[in-house]
Amino acid sequence: MQRIIYLKNMATEKAQYVVALISEFASYYGISTIEAARYIGRYGAFDLYDRQYDYLHTQSFKSNIRDISAYCKRMGGTL
């Protein structure tokens, strides 16, 4: 529930991009979108993308998935 509230507070354009990114991340790792959102949120990558959105949305989803994965691993993630 907390992550849904977080997305509501983001600008619509940012929120749409993050939703698409979650979907791509989930597909890449073969997990559900809910699992992907929980994983990304657990390791703080939503905050990273909120702060760096102006740059990151200009990059490919593949590049952003690699960045999310690396960031989450540095924060303790295991995917």
N, C-alpha and C. Protein backbone atom coordinates (compact mmCIF):
# COMPACT_ATOMS: atom_id res chain seq x y z
N MET A 1 0.82 -1.20 0.00
CA MET A 1 0.00 0.00 0.00
C MET A 1 0.86 1.26 0.00
N GLN A 2 1.96 1.23 0.71
CA GLN A 2 2.82 2.39 0.81
C GLN A 2 3.37 2.79 -0.57
N ARG A 3 3.72 1.81 -1.39
CA ARG A 3 4.27 2.11 -2.71
C ARG A 3 3.23 2.69 -3.63
N ILE A 4 1.98 2.29 -3.48
CA ILE A 4 0.89 2.86 -4.28
C ILE A 4 0.74 4.32 -3.93
N ILE A 5 0.77 4.64 -2.66
CA ILE A 5 0.69 6.04 -2.24
C ILE A 5 1.87 6.81 -2.79
N TYR A 6 3.04 6.21 -2.78
CA TYR A 6 4.23 6.87 -3.33
C TYR A 6 4.02 7.21 -4.80
N LEU A 7 3.50 6.28 -5.58
CA LEU A 7 3.26 6.54 -7.00
C LEU A 7 2.21 7.62 -7.20
N LYS A 8 1.20 7.69 -6.33
CA LYS A 8 0.18 8.73 -6.45
C LYS A 8 0.78 10.11 -6.26
N ASN A 9 1.81 10.22 -5.45
CA ASN A 9 2.42 11.51 -5.18
C ASN A 9 3.39 11.94 -6.27
N MET A 10 3.79 11.04 -7.13
CA MET A 10 4.67 11.38 -8.24
C MET A 10 3.86 12.08 -9.33
N ALA A 11 4.52 12.88 -10.15
CA ALA A 11 3.87 13.47 -11.30
C ALA A 11 3.39 12.32 -12.20
N THR A 12 2.31 12.54 -12.91
CA THR A 12 1.72 11.49 -13.75
C THR A 12 2.71 10.91 -14.74
N GLU A 13 3.49 11.75 -15.38
CA GLU A 13 4.46 11.28 -16.37
C GLU A 13 5.50 10.36 -15.71
N LYS A 14 6.00 10.77 -14.57
CA LYS A 14 6.96 9.94 -13.84
C LYS A 14 6.33 8.62 -13.44
N ALA A 15 5.13 8.67 -12.92
CA ALA A 15 4.45 7.46 -12.46
C ALA A 15 4.24 6.50 -13.63
N GLN A 16 3.84 7.00 -14.78
CA GLN A 16 3.64 6.15 -15.95
C GLN A 16 4.96 5.50 -16.36
N TYR A 17 6.03 6.26 -16.31
CA TYR A 17 7.33 5.71 -16.67
C TYR A 17 7.75 4.63 -15.68
N VAL A 18 7.57 4.87 -14.40
CA VAL A 18 7.96 3.90 -13.38
C VAL A 18 7.14 2.62 -13.51
N VAL A 19 5.85 2.74 -13.81
CA VAL A 19 5.01 1.56 -14.01
C VAL A 19 5.52 0.74 -15.19
N ALA A 20 5.86 1.41 -16.28
CA ALA A 20 6.40 0.71 -17.46
C ALA A 20 7.74 0.05 -17.11
N LEU A 21 8.56 0.74 -16.36
CA LEU A 21 9.86 0.21 -15.97
C LEU A 21 9.70 -1.02 -15.07
N ILE A 22 8.76 -0.98 -14.14
CA ILE A 22 8.48 -2.13 -13.29
C ILE A 22 8.08 -3.33 -14.14
N SER A 23 7.23 -3.09 -15.11
CA SER A 23 6.77 -4.16 -15.99
C SER A 23 7.94 -4.78 -16.77
N GLU A 24 8.82 -3.94 -17.29
CA GLU A 24 9.99 -4.42 -18.03
C GLU A 24 10.94 -5.19 -17.11
N PHE A 25 11.13 -4.69 -15.90
CA PHE A 25 11.99 -5.34 -14.91
C PHE A 25 11.42 -6.73 -14.59
N ALA A 26 10.11 -6.79 -14.39
CA ALA A 26 9.46 -8.06 -14.08
C ALA A 26 9.64 -9.06 -15.22
N SER A 27 9.44 -8.61 -16.44
CA SER A 27 9.61 -9.48 -17.60
C SER A 27 11.04 -9.98 -17.72
N TYR A 28 11.99 -9.10 -17.50
CA TYR A 28 13.40 -9.46 -17.61
C TYR A 28 13.76 -10.57 -16.63
N TYR A 29 13.25 -10.47 -15.41
CA TYR A 29 13.60 -11.45 -14.37
C TYR A 29 12.58 -12.59 -14.25
N GLY A 30 11.52 -12.56 -15.04
CA GLY A 30 10.53 -13.63 -14.99
C GLY A 30 9.75 -13.69 -13.69
N ILE A 31 9.45 -12.51 -13.14
CA ILE A 31 8.68 -12.42 -11.90
C ILE A 31 7.44 -11.58 -12.16
N SER A 32 6.51 -11.57 -11.22
CA SER A 32 5.30 -10.77 -11.40
C SER A 32 5.62 -9.29 -11.20
N THR A 33 4.75 -8.44 -11.70
CA THR A 33 4.96 -7.00 -11.52
C THR A 33 4.89 -6.62 -10.05
N ILE A 34 4.06 -7.31 -9.28
CA ILE A 34 3.98 -7.03 -7.84
C ILE A 34 5.30 -7.38 -7.16
N GLU A 35 5.86 -8.55 -7.51
CA GLU A 35 7.15 -8.94 -6.93
C GLU A 35 8.23 -7.93 -7.33
N ALA A 36 8.20 -7.50 -8.58
CA ALA A 36 9.19 -6.53 -9.05
C ALA A 36 9.06 -5.21 -8.28
N ALA A 37 7.85 -4.73 -8.12
CA ALA A 37 7.63 -3.47 -7.40
C ALA A 37 8.08 -3.58 -5.95
N ARG A 38 7.78 -4.69 -5.32
CA ARG A 38 8.22 -4.89 -3.93
C ARG A 38 9.74 -4.92 -3.83
N TYR A 39 10.37 -5.63 -4.75
CA TYR A 39 11.83 -5.73 -4.74
C TYR A 39 12.47 -4.36 -4.95
N ILE A 40 12.01 -3.65 -5.97
CA ILE A 40 12.57 -2.33 -6.28
C ILE A 40 12.36 -1.38 -5.09
N GLY A 41 11.18 -1.43 -4.51
CA GLY A 41 10.89 -0.57 -3.36
C GLY A 41 11.70 -0.94 -2.13
N ARG A 42 11.85 -2.24 -1.88
CA ARG A 42 12.57 -2.71 -0.70
C ARG A 42 14.00 -2.18 -0.66
N TYR A 43 14.62 -2.06 -1.82
CA TYR A 43 16.02 -1.64 -1.86
C TYR A 43 16.22 -0.18 -2.27
N GLY A 44 15.15 0.60 -2.26
CA GLY A 44 15.26 2.05 -2.42
C GLY A 44 15.40 2.57 -3.84
N ALA A 45 15.18 1.74 -4.83
CA ALA A 45 15.38 2.20 -6.21
C ALA A 45 14.30 3.18 -6.66
N PHE A 46 13.10 3.15 -6.06
CA PHE A 46 12.09 4.14 -6.42
C PHE A 46 12.59 5.55 -6.09
N ASP A 47 13.19 5.70 -4.94
CA ASP A 47 13.72 7.01 -4.55
C ASP A 47 14.82 7.46 -5.51
N LEU A 48 15.68 6.53 -5.89
CA LEU A 48 16.73 6.84 -6.86
C LEU A 48 16.13 7.35 -8.15
N TYR A 49 15.13 6.66 -8.68
CA TYR A 49 14.53 7.07 -9.94
C TYR A 49 13.75 8.37 -9.81
N ASP A 50 13.17 8.62 -8.68
CA ASP A 50 12.47 9.89 -8.48
C ASP A 50 13.47 11.05 -8.53
N ARG A 51 14.60 10.87 -7.89
CA ARG A 51 15.62 11.93 -7.86
C ARG A 51 16.31 12.11 -9.21
N GLN A 52 16.52 11.03 -9.94
CA GLN A 52 17.31 11.07 -11.18
C GLN A 52 16.44 10.94 -12.44
N TYR A 53 15.16 11.12 -12.32
CA TYR A 53 14.24 10.90 -13.43
C TYR A 53 14.61 11.67 -14.69
N ASP A 54 14.96 12.94 -14.55
CA ASP A 54 15.23 13.76 -15.74
C ASP A 54 16.27 13.15 -16.65
N TYR A 55 17.25 12.49 -16.10
CA TYR A 55 18.26 11.81 -16.91
C TYR A 55 17.84 10.40 -17.28
N LEU A 56 17.37 9.65 -16.31
CA LEU A 56 17.14 8.22 -16.51
C LEU A 56 16.04 7.90 -17.51
N HIS A 57 15.02 8.74 -17.62
CA HIS A 57 13.96 8.42 -18.57
C HIS A 57 14.41 8.60 -20.02
N THR A 58 15.58 9.19 -20.21
CA THR A 58 16.10 9.32 -21.58
C THR A 58 16.93 8.11 -22.00
N GLN A 59 17.16 7.19 -21.07
CA GLN A 59 17.94 5.99 -21.33
C GLN A 59 17.01 4.83 -21.69
N SER A 60 17.56 3.78 -22.25
CA SER A 60 16.75 2.62 -22.62
C SER A 60 16.29 1.87 -21.37
N PHE A 61 15.19 1.12 -21.53
CA PHE A 61 14.73 0.29 -20.42
C PHE A 61 15.80 -0.74 -20.05
N LYS A 62 16.47 -1.29 -21.05
CA LYS A 62 17.51 -2.28 -20.77
C LYS A 62 18.61 -1.68 -19.89
N SER A 63 19.03 -0.48 -20.21
CA SER A 63 20.04 0.21 -19.41
C SER A 63 19.53 0.48 -18.00
N ASN A 64 18.27 0.90 -17.89
CA ASN A 64 17.70 1.18 -16.58
C ASN A 64 17.52 -0.08 -15.75
N ILE A 65 17.19 -1.19 -16.39
CA ILE A 65 17.07 -2.45 -15.66
C ILE A 65 18.43 -2.85 -15.10
N ARG A 66 19.48 -2.69 -15.90
CA ARG A 66 20.83 -2.98 -15.40
C ARG A 66 21.17 -2.08 -14.22
N ASP A 67 20.82 -0.80 -14.33
CA ASP A 67 21.10 0.15 -13.25
C ASP A 67 20.32 -0.20 -11.98
N ILE A 68 19.03 -0.52 -12.13
CA ILE A 68 18.22 -0.91 -10.97
C ILE A 68 18.81 -2.15 -10.32
N SER A 69 19.14 -3.13 -11.15
CA SER A 69 19.70 -4.38 -10.62
C SER A 69 20.98 -4.13 -9.83
N ALA A 70 21.88 -3.34 -10.41
CA ALA A 70 23.14 -3.04 -9.74
C ALA A 70 22.90 -2.28 -8.44
N TYR A 71 22.02 -1.30 -8.47
CA TYR A 71 21.73 -0.52 -7.28
C TYR A 71 21.14 -1.40 -6.18
N CYS A 72 20.15 -2.21 -6.55
CA CYS A 72 19.53 -3.10 -5.56
C CYS A 72 20.53 -4.09 -4.98
N LYS A 73 21.43 -4.61 -5.81
CA LYS A 73 22.45 -5.53 -5.30
C LYS A 73 23.37 -4.83 -4.30
N ARG A 74 23.73 -3.57 -4.60
CA ARG A 74 24.56 -2.83 -3.64
C ARG A 74 23.84 -2.60 -2.32
N MET A 75 22.50 -2.56 -2.40
CA MET A 75 21.71 -2.33 -1.20
C MET A 75 21.29 -3.63 -0.52
N GLY A 76 21.75 -4.78 -1.05
CA GLY A 76 21.46 -6.07 -0.41
C GLY A 76 20.56 -6.99 -1.20
N GLY A 77 20.10 -6.59 -2.38
CA GLY A 77 19.23 -7.42 -3.20
C GLY A 77 19.96 -8.62 -3.78
N THR A 78 19.20 -9.62 -4.18
CA THR A 78 19.80 -10.86 -4.66
C THR A 78 19.40 -11.25 -6.08
N LEU A 79 18.62 -10.47 -6.78
CA LEU A 79 18.24 -10.83 -8.15
C LEU A 79 19.42 -10.61 -9.09
